[in-house]
Amino acid sequence: MSAGAAYVELREQLSELVRSLPAHQLATPVPACPDWTVHDVVAHLAGVATDNVTGAVPTDSSVDALDTWTAGHVRSRADVATTVVLREWERFSSQLEVLLNKDAMELPAALLDLATHDDDIREAVDRPRGLHTDTHLAMHRGLMRRWMGAIERAGLDPILVMLPTGDPYDGEVDADVVIRSSPHWLYRSAMGRQSRASVRSKFVSGSNLDAYIDLLYVFDPG
């Protein structure tokens, strides 16, 4: 599946969920996104789609600039009904699909952002996804490639990632450093959704664990 088609699929699934929520759940705080409600996260996602299509994405990639940009998505749609925000998102999604299919990255930023916030909302309203999509599986594989490559470049000892069942998932089977976790949990961790202490608790063996954990994170959990 192309990146654009994956984006549209995830957007349609999340939009269906959001439309099914009563008003009080739209105002539910999203723990993974401090100070944002479900409505606010949807506003951000619509803003990302709109800005990508209209060329309003900031060129400054600093944390402060990106925080200002995303805060604008929420602020400008604070008094707009969630159903209207969903229609805006849908309107620009088909155009964003074309742009994502031209993106050279395997998993473009807008797709990763949507997949991450999809989980954020589902966790906030206790409606977890039953099965992971092909897009999620591709993100899990991409994370492993990124992490294993960073570990090797840093000159650290090899690592073995084991599934909760005890079966090997990635890495070297005879490694002294072993972590036991589902790929999706590790992906959520890399997106800053799990603390360092939580990640550390998943290690079965090994030393210098903080170095491995630092390399796992794409976004700092704070």
N, C-alpha and C. Protein backbone atom coordinates (compact mmCIF):
# COMPACT_ATOMS: atom_id res chain seq x y z
N MET A 1 0.84 -1.20 0.00
CA MET A 1 0.00 0.00 0.00
C MET A 1 0.88 1.24 0.00
N SER A 2 0.51 2.22 -0.82
CA SER A 2 1.28 3.46 -0.88
C SER A 2 1.09 4.28 0.38
N ALA A 3 2.01 5.21 0.63
CA ALA A 3 1.90 6.07 1.82
C ALA A 3 0.61 6.88 1.79
N GLY A 4 0.25 7.37 0.62
CA GLY A 4 -0.97 8.17 0.51
C GLY A 4 -2.22 7.36 0.81
N ALA A 5 -2.29 6.16 0.25
CA ALA A 5 -3.44 5.29 0.50
C ALA A 5 -3.51 4.89 1.97
N ALA A 6 -2.35 4.64 2.58
CA ALA A 6 -2.32 4.30 4.01
C ALA A 6 -2.84 5.45 4.85
N TYR A 7 -2.47 6.68 4.47
CA TYR A 7 -2.94 7.86 5.20
C TYR A 7 -4.47 7.96 5.13
N VAL A 8 -5.00 7.81 3.93
CA VAL A 8 -6.46 7.92 3.75
C VAL A 8 -7.17 6.83 4.55
N GLU A 9 -6.64 5.61 4.52
CA GLU A 9 -7.26 4.50 5.26
C GLU A 9 -7.31 4.80 6.76
N LEU A 10 -6.18 5.25 7.32
CA LEU A 10 -6.14 5.55 8.75
C LEU A 10 -7.05 6.73 9.07
N ARG A 11 -7.07 7.75 8.20
CA ARG A 11 -7.93 8.90 8.45
C ARG A 11 -9.39 8.48 8.47
N GLU A 12 -9.80 7.64 7.53
CA GLU A 12 -11.20 7.21 7.48
C GLU A 12 -11.57 6.40 8.72
N GLN A 13 -10.66 5.55 9.17
CA GLN A 13 -10.94 4.73 10.36
C GLN A 13 -11.04 5.59 11.62
N LEU A 14 -10.11 6.54 11.75
CA LEU A 14 -10.16 7.41 12.93
C LEU A 14 -11.36 8.34 12.88
N SER A 15 -11.68 8.85 11.70
CA SER A 15 -12.84 9.73 11.57
C SER A 15 -14.13 9.01 11.95
N GLU A 16 -14.23 7.75 11.54
CA GLU A 16 -15.41 6.95 11.91
C GLU A 16 -15.51 6.82 13.42
N LEU A 17 -14.39 6.57 14.07
CA LEU A 17 -14.40 6.47 15.53
C LEU A 17 -14.82 7.80 16.15
N VAL A 18 -14.22 8.89 15.73
CA VAL A 18 -14.50 10.19 16.32
C VAL A 18 -15.97 10.57 16.14
N ARG A 19 -16.54 10.28 14.98
CA ARG A 19 -17.95 10.60 14.74
C ARG A 19 -18.87 9.80 15.67
N SER A 20 -18.41 8.67 16.13
CA SER A 20 -19.25 7.83 17.00
C SER A 20 -19.20 8.27 18.46
N LEU A 21 -18.31 9.19 18.80
CA LEU A 21 -18.12 9.58 20.19
C LEU A 21 -19.16 10.62 20.62
N PRO A 22 -19.70 10.49 21.83
CA PRO A 22 -20.59 11.53 22.36
C PRO A 22 -19.79 12.79 22.67
N ALA A 23 -20.50 13.89 22.86
CA ALA A 23 -19.86 15.19 23.03
C ALA A 23 -18.86 15.20 24.19
N HIS A 24 -19.21 14.53 25.29
CA HIS A 24 -18.32 14.60 26.45
C HIS A 24 -16.99 13.89 26.17
N GLN A 25 -17.01 12.89 25.28
CA GLN A 25 -15.75 12.22 24.97
C GLN A 25 -14.89 13.03 24.01
N LEU A 26 -15.50 13.87 23.21
CA LEU A 26 -14.72 14.77 22.35
C LEU A 26 -13.93 15.77 23.20
N ALA A 27 -14.42 16.01 24.40
CA ALA A 27 -13.73 16.92 25.33
C ALA A 27 -12.80 16.17 26.28
N THR A 28 -12.63 14.87 26.07
CA THR A 28 -11.76 14.07 26.93
C THR A 28 -10.31 14.48 26.75
N PRO A 29 -9.59 14.72 27.83
CA PRO A 29 -8.15 15.01 27.71
C PRO A 29 -7.41 13.79 27.13
N VAL A 30 -6.40 14.06 26.32
CA VAL A 30 -5.58 13.01 25.72
C VAL A 30 -4.25 12.98 26.48
N PRO A 31 -4.04 11.98 27.33
CA PRO A 31 -2.84 11.96 28.19
C PRO A 31 -1.53 12.06 27.42
N ALA A 32 -1.47 11.49 26.22
CA ALA A 32 -0.22 11.52 25.45
C ALA A 32 0.06 12.90 24.86
N CYS A 33 -0.95 13.77 24.87
CA CYS A 33 -0.81 15.13 24.31
C CYS A 33 -1.29 16.12 25.37
N PRO A 34 -0.46 16.43 26.34
CA PRO A 34 -0.88 17.28 27.46
C PRO A 34 -1.55 18.56 26.98
N ASP A 35 -2.66 18.89 27.65
CA ASP A 35 -3.45 20.10 27.39
C ASP A 35 -4.32 20.00 26.15
N TRP A 36 -4.30 18.88 25.45
CA TRP A 36 -5.15 18.69 24.28
C TRP A 36 -6.27 17.71 24.60
N THR A 37 -7.45 18.00 24.05
CA THR A 37 -8.59 17.08 24.11
C THR A 37 -8.63 16.27 22.81
N VAL A 38 -9.59 15.34 22.73
CA VAL A 38 -9.78 14.60 21.49
C VAL A 38 -10.05 15.57 20.34
N HIS A 39 -10.92 16.55 20.57
CA HIS A 39 -11.21 17.54 19.53
C HIS A 39 -9.94 18.26 19.10
N ASP A 40 -9.09 18.61 20.05
CA ASP A 40 -7.87 19.35 19.74
C ASP A 40 -6.93 18.52 18.86
N VAL A 41 -6.84 17.23 19.15
CA VAL A 41 -5.96 16.36 18.34
C VAL A 41 -6.49 16.27 16.92
N VAL A 42 -7.81 16.16 16.77
CA VAL A 42 -8.40 16.14 15.43
C VAL A 42 -8.13 17.46 14.72
N ALA A 43 -8.23 18.56 15.45
CA ALA A 43 -7.94 19.87 14.87
C ALA A 43 -6.50 19.94 14.37
N HIS A 44 -5.58 19.39 15.14
CA HIS A 44 -4.19 19.36 14.72
C HIS A 44 -4.01 18.54 13.44
N LEU A 45 -4.64 17.36 13.39
CA LEU A 45 -4.50 16.52 12.21
C LEU A 45 -5.08 17.19 10.96
N ALA A 46 -6.22 17.85 11.13
CA ALA A 46 -6.79 18.59 10.00
C ALA A 46 -5.87 19.73 9.59
N GLY A 47 -5.27 20.39 10.58
CA GLY A 47 -4.36 21.48 10.28
C GLY A 47 -3.13 21.03 9.53
N VAL A 48 -2.60 19.88 9.90
CA VAL A 48 -1.43 19.34 9.20
C VAL A 48 -1.77 19.07 7.74
N ALA A 49 -2.93 18.45 7.50
CA ALA A 49 -3.34 18.15 6.13
C ALA A 49 -3.53 19.43 5.32
N THR A 50 -4.25 20.37 5.91
CA THR A 50 -4.52 21.63 5.21
C THR A 50 -3.24 22.38 4.90
N ASP A 51 -2.35 22.48 5.87
CA ASP A 51 -1.12 23.24 5.68
C ASP A 51 -0.18 22.58 4.69
N ASN A 52 -0.16 21.25 4.67
CA ASN A 52 0.68 20.57 3.68
C ASN A 52 0.19 20.83 2.26
N VAL A 53 -1.11 20.87 2.08
CA VAL A 53 -1.67 21.08 0.76
C VAL A 53 -1.53 22.53 0.33
N THR A 54 -1.72 23.46 1.26
CA THR A 54 -1.67 24.90 0.92
C THR A 54 -0.28 25.49 1.00
N GLY A 55 0.69 24.69 1.43
CA GLY A 55 2.07 25.18 1.50
C GLY A 55 2.36 26.02 2.72
N ALA A 56 1.61 25.80 3.81
CA ALA A 56 1.79 26.61 5.01
C ALA A 56 2.61 25.91 6.09
N VAL A 57 3.31 24.85 5.71
CA VAL A 57 4.16 24.13 6.68
C VAL A 57 5.40 24.98 6.96
N PRO A 58 5.76 25.17 8.23
CA PRO A 58 6.91 26.02 8.54
C PRO A 58 8.22 25.41 8.04
N THR A 59 9.13 26.27 7.61
CA THR A 59 10.45 25.81 7.18
C THR A 59 11.39 25.64 8.36
N ASP A 60 11.08 26.31 9.46
CA ASP A 60 11.87 26.19 10.68
C ASP A 60 11.43 24.93 11.42
N SER A 61 12.35 23.98 11.58
CA SER A 61 12.01 22.71 12.21
C SER A 61 12.39 22.65 13.68
N SER A 62 12.66 23.81 14.28
CA SER A 62 12.99 23.82 15.70
C SER A 62 11.76 23.46 16.52
N VAL A 63 11.99 22.99 17.74
CA VAL A 63 10.89 22.59 18.61
C VAL A 63 9.93 23.75 18.85
N ASP A 64 10.46 24.94 19.12
CA ASP A 64 9.60 26.09 19.39
C ASP A 64 8.73 26.43 18.18
N ALA A 65 9.32 26.38 16.99
CA ALA A 65 8.57 26.71 15.77
C ALA A 65 7.46 25.69 15.52
N LEU A 66 7.77 24.42 15.71
CA LEU A 66 6.77 23.38 15.50
C LEU A 66 5.67 23.43 16.56
N ASP A 67 6.04 23.77 17.79
CA ASP A 67 5.03 23.91 18.85
C ASP A 67 4.08 25.06 18.53
N THR A 68 4.64 26.16 18.03
CA THR A 68 3.81 27.31 17.66
C THR A 68 2.87 26.95 16.52
N TRP A 69 3.39 26.21 15.56
CA TRP A 69 2.60 25.79 14.40
C TRP A 69 1.43 24.89 14.82
N THR A 70 1.72 23.87 15.62
CA THR A 70 0.66 22.94 16.03
C THR A 70 -0.34 23.61 16.96
N ALA A 71 0.14 24.53 17.81
CA ALA A 71 -0.78 25.26 18.69
C ALA A 71 -1.77 26.08 17.86
N GLY A 72 -1.30 26.57 16.71
CA GLY A 72 -2.19 27.33 15.83
C GLY A 72 -3.31 26.48 15.26
N HIS A 73 -3.02 25.23 14.98
CA HIS A 73 -4.06 24.32 14.49
C HIS A 73 -5.20 24.22 15.51
N VAL A 74 -4.82 24.07 16.76
CA VAL A 74 -5.80 23.90 17.83
C VAL A 74 -6.56 25.19 18.09
N ARG A 75 -5.81 26.29 18.20
CA ARG A 75 -6.42 27.57 18.53
C ARG A 75 -7.42 28.01 17.47
N SER A 76 -7.08 27.87 16.20
CA SER A 76 -7.94 28.36 15.13
C SER A 76 -9.21 27.52 14.94
N ARG A 77 -9.24 26.33 15.52
CA ARG A 77 -10.40 25.46 15.37
C ARG A 77 -11.08 25.16 16.70
N ALA A 78 -10.71 25.91 17.71
CA ALA A 78 -11.23 25.65 19.05
C ALA A 78 -12.75 25.77 19.12
N ASP A 79 -13.32 26.71 18.36
CA ASP A 79 -14.76 26.95 18.42
C ASP A 79 -15.49 26.37 17.20
N VAL A 80 -14.79 25.51 16.45
CA VAL A 80 -15.40 24.88 15.28
C VAL A 80 -15.87 23.48 15.68
N ALA A 81 -17.07 23.12 15.28
CA ALA A 81 -17.60 21.80 15.62
C ALA A 81 -16.68 20.70 15.07
N THR A 82 -16.55 19.64 15.84
CA THR A 82 -15.66 18.55 15.43
C THR A 82 -16.09 17.98 14.08
N THR A 83 -17.38 17.89 13.82
CA THR A 83 -17.84 17.36 12.53
C THR A 83 -17.38 18.23 11.38
N VAL A 84 -17.32 19.53 11.61
CA VAL A 84 -16.85 20.46 10.56
C VAL A 84 -15.34 20.28 10.35
N VAL A 85 -14.62 20.11 11.45
CA VAL A 85 -13.18 19.88 11.35
C VAL A 85 -12.90 18.59 10.59
N LEU A 86 -13.69 17.56 10.84
CA LEU A 86 -13.54 16.29 10.12
C LEU A 86 -13.79 16.47 8.63
N ARG A 87 -14.75 17.30 8.27
CA ARG A 87 -15.02 17.55 6.85
C ARG A 87 -13.85 18.29 6.20
N GLU A 88 -13.26 19.23 6.93
CA GLU A 88 -12.07 19.92 6.41
C GLU A 88 -10.95 18.92 6.17
N TRP A 89 -10.73 18.07 7.14
CA TRP A 89 -9.67 17.06 7.03
C TRP A 89 -9.91 16.16 5.82
N GLU A 90 -11.15 15.73 5.65
CA GLU A 90 -11.49 14.88 4.51
C GLU A 90 -11.25 15.61 3.19
N ARG A 91 -11.61 16.89 3.14
CA ARG A 91 -11.49 17.67 1.91
C ARG A 91 -10.04 17.77 1.44
N PHE A 92 -9.13 17.95 2.37
CA PHE A 92 -7.73 18.11 2.00
C PHE A 92 -6.98 16.78 1.93
N SER A 93 -7.58 15.73 2.45
CA SER A 93 -6.91 14.44 2.51
C SER A 93 -6.59 13.88 1.13
N SER A 94 -7.52 14.01 0.19
CA SER A 94 -7.29 13.44 -1.14
C SER A 94 -6.11 14.14 -1.83
N GLN A 95 -5.97 15.44 -1.58
CA GLN A 95 -4.84 16.16 -2.16
C GLN A 95 -3.53 15.81 -1.45
N LEU A 96 -3.63 15.61 -0.14
CA LEU A 96 -2.44 15.22 0.61
C LEU A 96 -1.98 13.83 0.20
N GLU A 97 -2.93 12.96 -0.15
CA GLU A 97 -2.57 11.62 -0.60
C GLU A 97 -1.61 11.68 -1.78
N VAL A 98 -1.88 12.57 -2.71
CA VAL A 98 -1.02 12.71 -3.89
C VAL A 98 0.38 13.15 -3.47
N LEU A 99 0.44 14.12 -2.55
CA LEU A 99 1.74 14.62 -2.09
C LEU A 99 2.52 13.53 -1.36
N LEU A 100 1.85 12.74 -0.55
CA LEU A 100 2.53 11.70 0.21
C LEU A 100 3.09 10.62 -0.72
N ASN A 101 2.39 10.35 -1.81
CA ASN A 101 2.88 9.35 -2.75
C ASN A 101 4.12 9.82 -3.50
N LYS A 102 4.35 11.12 -3.50
CA LYS A 102 5.55 11.68 -4.14
C LYS A 102 6.70 11.83 -3.16
N ASP A 103 6.40 11.66 -1.86
CA ASP A 103 7.42 11.83 -0.83
C ASP A 103 8.42 10.68 -0.92
N ALA A 104 9.70 11.01 -0.90
CA ALA A 104 10.75 9.99 -1.04
C ALA A 104 10.88 9.13 0.21
N MET A 105 10.39 9.62 1.35
CA MET A 105 10.50 8.84 2.58
C MET A 105 9.57 7.64 2.56
N GLU A 106 10.03 6.53 3.14
CA GLU A 106 9.20 5.33 3.23
C GLU A 106 7.94 5.60 4.04
N LEU A 107 8.09 6.32 5.14
CA LEU A 107 6.97 6.67 6.01
C LEU A 107 7.01 8.18 6.24
N PRO A 108 6.33 8.96 5.41
CA PRO A 108 6.37 10.41 5.54
C PRO A 108 5.88 10.89 6.91
N ALA A 109 6.34 12.09 7.29
CA ALA A 109 6.04 12.63 8.61
C ALA A 109 4.54 12.72 8.88
N ALA A 110 3.76 13.15 7.88
CA ALA A 110 2.32 13.30 8.10
C ALA A 110 1.66 11.96 8.39
N LEU A 111 2.15 10.89 7.78
CA LEU A 111 1.60 9.56 8.03
C LEU A 111 1.98 9.07 9.42
N LEU A 112 3.22 9.28 9.81
CA LEU A 112 3.65 8.90 11.17
C LEU A 112 2.87 9.68 12.22
N ASP A 113 2.64 10.97 11.95
CA ASP A 113 1.90 11.82 12.88
C ASP A 113 0.48 11.30 13.06
N LEU A 114 -0.16 10.96 11.96
CA LEU A 114 -1.53 10.44 12.03
C LEU A 114 -1.58 9.11 12.78
N ALA A 115 -0.68 8.19 12.46
CA ALA A 115 -0.70 6.89 13.11
C ALA A 115 -0.47 7.02 14.62
N THR A 116 0.41 7.93 14.99
CA THR A 116 0.70 8.14 16.41
C THR A 116 -0.50 8.73 17.14
N HIS A 117 -1.12 9.74 16.54
CA HIS A 117 -2.27 10.37 17.19
C HIS A 117 -3.52 9.50 17.14
N ASP A 118 -3.59 8.61 16.16
CA ASP A 118 -4.67 7.62 16.14
C ASP A 118 -4.63 6.80 17.42
N ASP A 119 -3.45 6.33 17.78
CA ASP A 119 -3.29 5.58 19.03
C ASP A 119 -3.57 6.45 20.24
N ASP A 120 -3.11 7.70 20.20
CA ASP A 120 -3.33 8.62 21.33
C ASP A 120 -4.82 8.76 21.64
N ILE A 121 -5.61 8.98 20.60
CA ILE A 121 -7.05 9.16 20.78
C ILE A 121 -7.71 7.87 21.25
N ARG A 122 -7.33 6.77 20.64
CA ARG A 122 -7.93 5.48 21.00
C ARG A 122 -7.64 5.13 22.46
N GLU A 123 -6.45 5.42 22.92
CA GLU A 123 -6.11 5.17 24.32
C GLU A 123 -6.92 6.09 25.24
N ALA A 124 -7.11 7.33 24.83
CA ALA A 124 -7.81 8.30 25.67
C ALA A 124 -9.27 7.92 25.88
N VAL A 125 -9.91 7.35 24.86
CA VAL A 125 -11.33 7.01 24.97
C VAL A 125 -11.54 5.50 25.18
N ASP A 126 -10.43 4.78 25.45
CA ASP A 126 -10.48 3.35 25.72
C ASP A 126 -11.15 2.58 24.58
N ARG A 127 -10.72 2.90 23.36
CA ARG A 127 -11.19 2.18 22.17
C ARG A 127 -9.98 1.72 21.37
N PRO A 128 -9.19 0.81 21.95
CA PRO A 128 -7.95 0.39 21.28
C PRO A 128 -8.21 -0.30 19.95
N ARG A 129 -7.25 -0.19 19.07
CA ARG A 129 -7.34 -0.86 17.78
C ARG A 129 -7.16 -2.37 17.98
N GLY A 130 -8.05 -3.15 17.43
CA GLY A 130 -7.96 -4.59 17.61
C GLY A 130 -6.79 -5.21 16.88
N LEU A 131 -6.63 -4.85 15.61
CA LEU A 131 -5.55 -5.36 14.78
C LEU A 131 -4.77 -4.20 14.19
N HIS A 132 -3.47 -4.39 14.05
CA HIS A 132 -2.65 -3.36 13.45
C HIS A 132 -2.70 -3.48 11.92
N THR A 133 -2.71 -2.35 11.26
CA THR A 133 -2.75 -2.32 9.81
C THR A 133 -1.37 -2.61 9.22
N ASP A 134 -1.33 -2.79 7.91
CA ASP A 134 -0.05 -2.96 7.23
C ASP A 134 0.84 -1.75 7.46
N THR A 135 0.23 -0.58 7.60
CA THR A 135 1.00 0.64 7.87
C THR A 135 1.69 0.55 9.22
N HIS A 136 0.97 0.09 10.23
CA HIS A 136 1.58 -0.08 11.55
C HIS A 136 2.73 -1.07 11.49
N LEU A 137 2.53 -2.18 10.78
CA LEU A 137 3.58 -3.19 10.69
C LEU A 137 4.81 -2.62 9.99
N ALA A 138 4.59 -1.78 8.98
CA ALA A 138 5.72 -1.13 8.30
C ALA A 138 6.44 -0.18 9.23
N MET A 139 5.69 0.51 10.09
CA MET A 139 6.31 1.41 11.06
C MET A 139 7.13 0.63 12.07
N HIS A 140 6.62 -0.51 12.50
CA HIS A 140 7.37 -1.35 13.44
C HIS A 140 8.70 -1.78 12.82
N ARG A 141 8.65 -2.22 11.56
CA ARG A 141 9.87 -2.66 10.88
C ARG A 141 10.83 -1.50 10.69
N GLY A 142 10.28 -0.33 10.32
CA GLY A 142 11.12 0.85 10.13
C GLY A 142 11.80 1.26 11.42
N LEU A 143 11.08 1.19 12.53
CA LEU A 143 11.67 1.54 13.82
C LEU A 143 12.83 0.61 14.14
N MET A 144 12.65 -0.70 13.90
CA MET A 144 13.71 -1.66 14.19
C MET A 144 14.95 -1.36 13.36
N ARG A 145 14.76 -1.07 12.08
CA ARG A 145 15.91 -0.74 11.23
C ARG A 145 16.64 0.48 11.75
N ARG A 146 15.86 1.49 12.15
CA ARG A 146 16.46 2.72 12.66
C ARG A 146 17.23 2.46 13.95
N TRP A 147 16.62 1.71 14.88
CA TRP A 147 17.23 1.46 16.19
C TRP A 147 18.47 0.59 16.06
N MET A 148 18.37 -0.50 15.30
CA MET A 148 19.51 -1.39 15.14
C MET A 148 20.68 -0.67 14.47
N GLY A 149 20.37 0.17 13.49
CA GLY A 149 21.42 0.92 12.82
C GLY A 149 22.11 1.90 13.75
N ALA A 150 21.31 2.56 14.60
CA ALA A 150 21.88 3.53 15.55
C ALA A 150 22.75 2.83 16.58
N ILE A 151 22.32 1.65 17.02
CA ILE A 151 23.09 0.88 18.00
C ILE A 151 24.44 0.47 17.40
N GLU A 152 24.42 0.02 16.16
CA GLU A 152 25.66 -0.38 15.50
C GLU A 152 26.60 0.80 15.31
N ARG A 153 26.06 1.94 14.85
CA ARG A 153 26.90 3.13 14.63
C ARG A 153 27.50 3.65 15.93
N ALA A 154 26.78 3.46 17.03
CA ALA A 154 27.27 3.92 18.33
C ALA A 154 28.31 2.97 18.92
N GLY A 155 28.52 1.84 18.28
CA GLY A 155 29.49 0.89 18.78
C GLY A 155 29.04 0.12 20.01
N LEU A 156 27.74 0.06 20.24
CA LEU A 156 27.21 -0.67 21.39
C LEU A 156 27.12 -2.16 21.07
N ASP A 157 27.07 -2.97 22.11
CA ASP A 157 26.90 -4.41 21.92
C ASP A 157 25.56 -4.68 21.24
N PRO A 158 25.47 -5.75 20.46
CA PRO A 158 24.20 -6.08 19.79
C PRO A 158 23.08 -6.29 20.80
N ILE A 159 21.86 -6.17 20.30
CA ILE A 159 20.67 -6.33 21.13
C ILE A 159 19.75 -7.35 20.50
N LEU A 160 18.99 -8.03 21.32
CA LEU A 160 17.93 -8.93 20.85
C LEU A 160 16.60 -8.39 21.33
N VAL A 161 15.67 -8.22 20.41
CA VAL A 161 14.29 -7.85 20.76
C VAL A 161 13.45 -9.13 20.74
N MET A 162 12.89 -9.45 21.89
CA MET A 162 12.04 -10.64 22.01
C MET A 162 10.58 -10.21 22.12
N LEU A 163 9.71 -11.00 21.54
CA LEU A 163 8.27 -10.78 21.70
C LEU A 163 7.85 -11.18 23.11
N PRO A 164 6.69 -10.73 23.57
CA PRO A 164 6.20 -11.14 24.90
C PRO A 164 6.10 -12.65 25.05
N THR A 165 5.97 -13.37 23.93
CA THR A 165 5.89 -14.83 23.97
C THR A 165 7.26 -15.47 24.23
N GLY A 166 8.32 -14.66 24.10
CA GLY A 166 9.66 -15.19 24.24
C GLY A 166 10.34 -15.50 22.93
N ASP A 167 9.60 -15.38 21.82
CA ASP A 167 10.18 -15.63 20.50
C ASP A 167 11.02 -14.44 20.05
N PRO A 168 12.13 -14.68 19.36
CA PRO A 168 12.95 -13.57 18.86
C PRO A 168 12.20 -12.79 17.78
N TYR A 169 12.36 -11.48 17.78
CA TYR A 169 11.71 -10.63 16.78
C TYR A 169 12.74 -9.96 15.88
N ASP A 170 13.80 -9.40 16.48
CA ASP A 170 14.83 -8.72 15.70
C ASP A 170 16.12 -8.69 16.50
N GLY A 171 17.23 -8.47 15.81
CA GLY A 171 18.51 -8.40 16.47
C GLY A 171 19.25 -9.73 16.42
N GLU A 172 20.21 -9.89 17.31
CA GLU A 172 21.05 -11.10 17.34
C GLU A 172 20.60 -12.03 18.46
N VAL A 173 20.35 -13.27 18.12
CA VAL A 173 19.76 -14.21 19.07
C VAL A 173 20.68 -14.52 20.24
N ASP A 174 22.00 -14.34 20.06
CA ASP A 174 22.92 -14.64 21.16
C ASP A 174 23.41 -13.37 21.86
N ALA A 175 22.67 -12.26 21.68
CA ALA A 175 23.07 -10.99 22.29
C ALA A 175 22.94 -11.05 23.81
N ASP A 176 23.82 -10.32 24.49
CA ASP A 176 23.75 -10.23 25.95
C ASP A 176 22.71 -9.20 26.40
N VAL A 177 22.41 -8.23 25.53
CA VAL A 177 21.41 -7.21 25.84
C VAL A 177 20.09 -7.66 25.23
N VAL A 178 19.09 -7.87 26.09
CA VAL A 178 17.81 -8.43 25.63
C VAL A 178 16.67 -7.59 26.18
N ILE A 179 15.74 -7.23 25.30
CA ILE A 179 14.53 -6.52 25.70
C ILE A 179 13.33 -7.35 25.25
N ARG A 180 12.32 -7.42 26.10
CA ARG A 180 11.13 -8.23 25.80
C ARG A 180 9.92 -7.31 25.72
N SER A 181 9.36 -7.18 24.53
CA SER A 181 8.27 -6.23 24.33
C SER A 181 7.60 -6.50 22.99
N SER A 182 6.37 -6.03 22.86
CA SER A 182 5.72 -6.07 21.55
C SER A 182 6.32 -4.98 20.67
N PRO A 183 6.40 -5.19 19.36
CA PRO A 183 6.91 -4.15 18.46
C PRO A 183 6.11 -2.85 18.56
N HIS A 184 4.79 -2.98 18.75
CA HIS A 184 3.98 -1.76 18.80
C HIS A 184 4.27 -0.96 20.07
N TRP A 185 4.48 -1.65 21.18
CA TRP A 185 4.82 -0.95 22.41
C TRP A 185 6.14 -0.20 22.25
N LEU A 186 7.10 -0.82 21.60
CA LEU A 186 8.38 -0.15 21.35
C LEU A 186 8.20 1.05 20.42
N TYR A 187 7.32 0.90 19.42
CA TYR A 187 7.05 2.02 18.53
C TYR A 187 6.43 3.19 19.30
N ARG A 188 5.48 2.90 20.15
CA ARG A 188 4.87 3.94 20.96
C ARG A 188 5.90 4.59 21.87
N SER A 189 6.80 3.78 22.38
CA SER A 189 7.87 4.32 23.21
C SER A 189 8.74 5.28 22.41
N ALA A 190 9.11 4.88 21.20
CA ALA A 190 9.97 5.71 20.36
C ALA A 190 9.31 7.05 20.05
N MET A 191 7.98 7.06 19.99
CA MET A 191 7.26 8.30 19.72
C MET A 191 7.09 9.15 20.99
N GLY A 192 7.75 8.74 22.08
CA GLY A 192 7.72 9.51 23.31
C GLY A 192 6.55 9.20 24.21
N ARG A 193 5.88 8.08 23.95
CA ARG A 193 4.66 7.75 24.72
C ARG A 193 4.92 6.86 25.92
N GLN A 194 6.17 6.46 26.15
CA GLN A 194 6.50 5.68 27.34
C GLN A 194 7.75 6.28 27.98
N SER A 195 7.78 6.29 29.30
CA SER A 195 8.92 6.86 30.02
C SER A 195 10.15 5.98 29.91
N ARG A 196 11.29 6.57 30.21
CA ARG A 196 12.53 5.80 30.22
C ARG A 196 12.46 4.66 31.24
N ALA A 197 11.84 4.93 32.38
CA ALA A 197 11.71 3.89 33.40
C ALA A 197 10.89 2.72 32.88
N SER A 198 9.83 3.00 32.14
CA SER A 198 9.00 1.94 31.58
C SER A 198 9.77 1.11 30.57
N VAL A 199 10.53 1.78 29.72
CA VAL A 199 11.32 1.07 28.73
C VAL A 199 12.39 0.22 29.43
N ARG A 200 13.03 0.81 30.42
CA ARG A 200 14.09 0.09 31.15
C ARG A 200 13.53 -1.19 31.78
N SER A 201 12.29 -1.15 32.23
CA SER A 201 11.70 -2.31 32.89
C SER A 201 11.48 -3.48 31.93
N LYS A 202 11.53 -3.22 30.63
CA LYS A 202 11.32 -4.27 29.64
C LYS A 202 12.60 -5.05 29.34
N PHE A 203 13.75 -4.52 29.78
CA PHE A 203 15.00 -5.22 29.51
C PHE A 203 15.12 -6.44 30.42
N VAL A 204 15.47 -7.55 29.82
CA VAL A 204 15.67 -8.80 30.55
C VAL A 204 17.11 -8.89 31.05
N SER A 205 18.05 -8.37 30.26
CA SER A 205 19.46 -8.42 30.63
C SER A 205 20.21 -7.33 29.88
N GLY A 206 21.44 -7.11 30.32
CA GLY A 206 22.29 -6.13 29.64
C GLY A 206 22.77 -5.05 30.57
N SER A 207 23.73 -4.27 30.11
CA SER A 207 24.27 -3.15 30.86
C SER A 207 24.29 -1.92 29.96
N ASN A 208 24.56 -0.75 30.56
CA ASN A 208 24.58 0.51 29.81
C ASN A 208 23.25 0.73 29.09
N LEU A 209 22.15 0.40 29.76
CA LEU A 209 20.84 0.39 29.12
C LEU A 209 20.38 1.78 28.69
N ASP A 210 20.78 2.81 29.43
CA ASP A 210 20.35 4.16 29.08
C ASP A 210 20.81 4.55 27.68
N ALA A 211 21.97 4.04 27.27
CA ALA A 211 22.47 4.36 25.93
C ALA A 211 21.55 3.77 24.86
N TYR A 212 21.07 2.58 25.08
CA TYR A 212 20.14 1.95 24.13
C TYR A 212 18.80 2.68 24.11
N ILE A 213 18.34 3.06 25.30
CA ILE A 213 17.06 3.75 25.41
C ILE A 213 17.10 5.11 24.72
N ASP A 214 18.21 5.84 24.91
CA ASP A 214 18.32 7.14 24.26
C ASP A 214 18.23 7.01 22.74
N LEU A 215 18.82 5.95 22.19
CA LEU A 215 18.81 5.76 20.75
C LEU A 215 17.46 5.31 20.23
N LEU A 216 16.63 4.75 21.10
CA LEU A 216 15.29 4.32 20.70
C LEU A 216 14.39 5.50 20.39
N TYR A 217 14.48 6.55 21.19
CA TYR A 217 13.52 7.64 21.12
C TYR A 217 13.66 8.48 19.85
N VAL A 218 12.54 8.68 19.16
CA VAL A 218 12.44 9.66 18.09
C VAL A 218 12.04 11.00 18.70
N PHE A 219 11.10 10.96 19.66
CA PHE A 219 10.66 12.13 20.40
C PHE A 219 10.90 11.87 21.87
N ASP A 220 11.52 12.84 22.54
CA ASP A 220 11.82 12.70 23.95
C ASP A 220 10.53 12.66 24.77
N PRO A 221 10.42 11.70 25.70
CA PRO A 221 9.18 11.63 26.50
C PRO A 221 9.07 12.73 27.54
N GLY A 222 10.15 13.51 27.74
CA GLY A 222 10.12 14.59 28.71
C GLY A 222 10.31 14.10 30.14
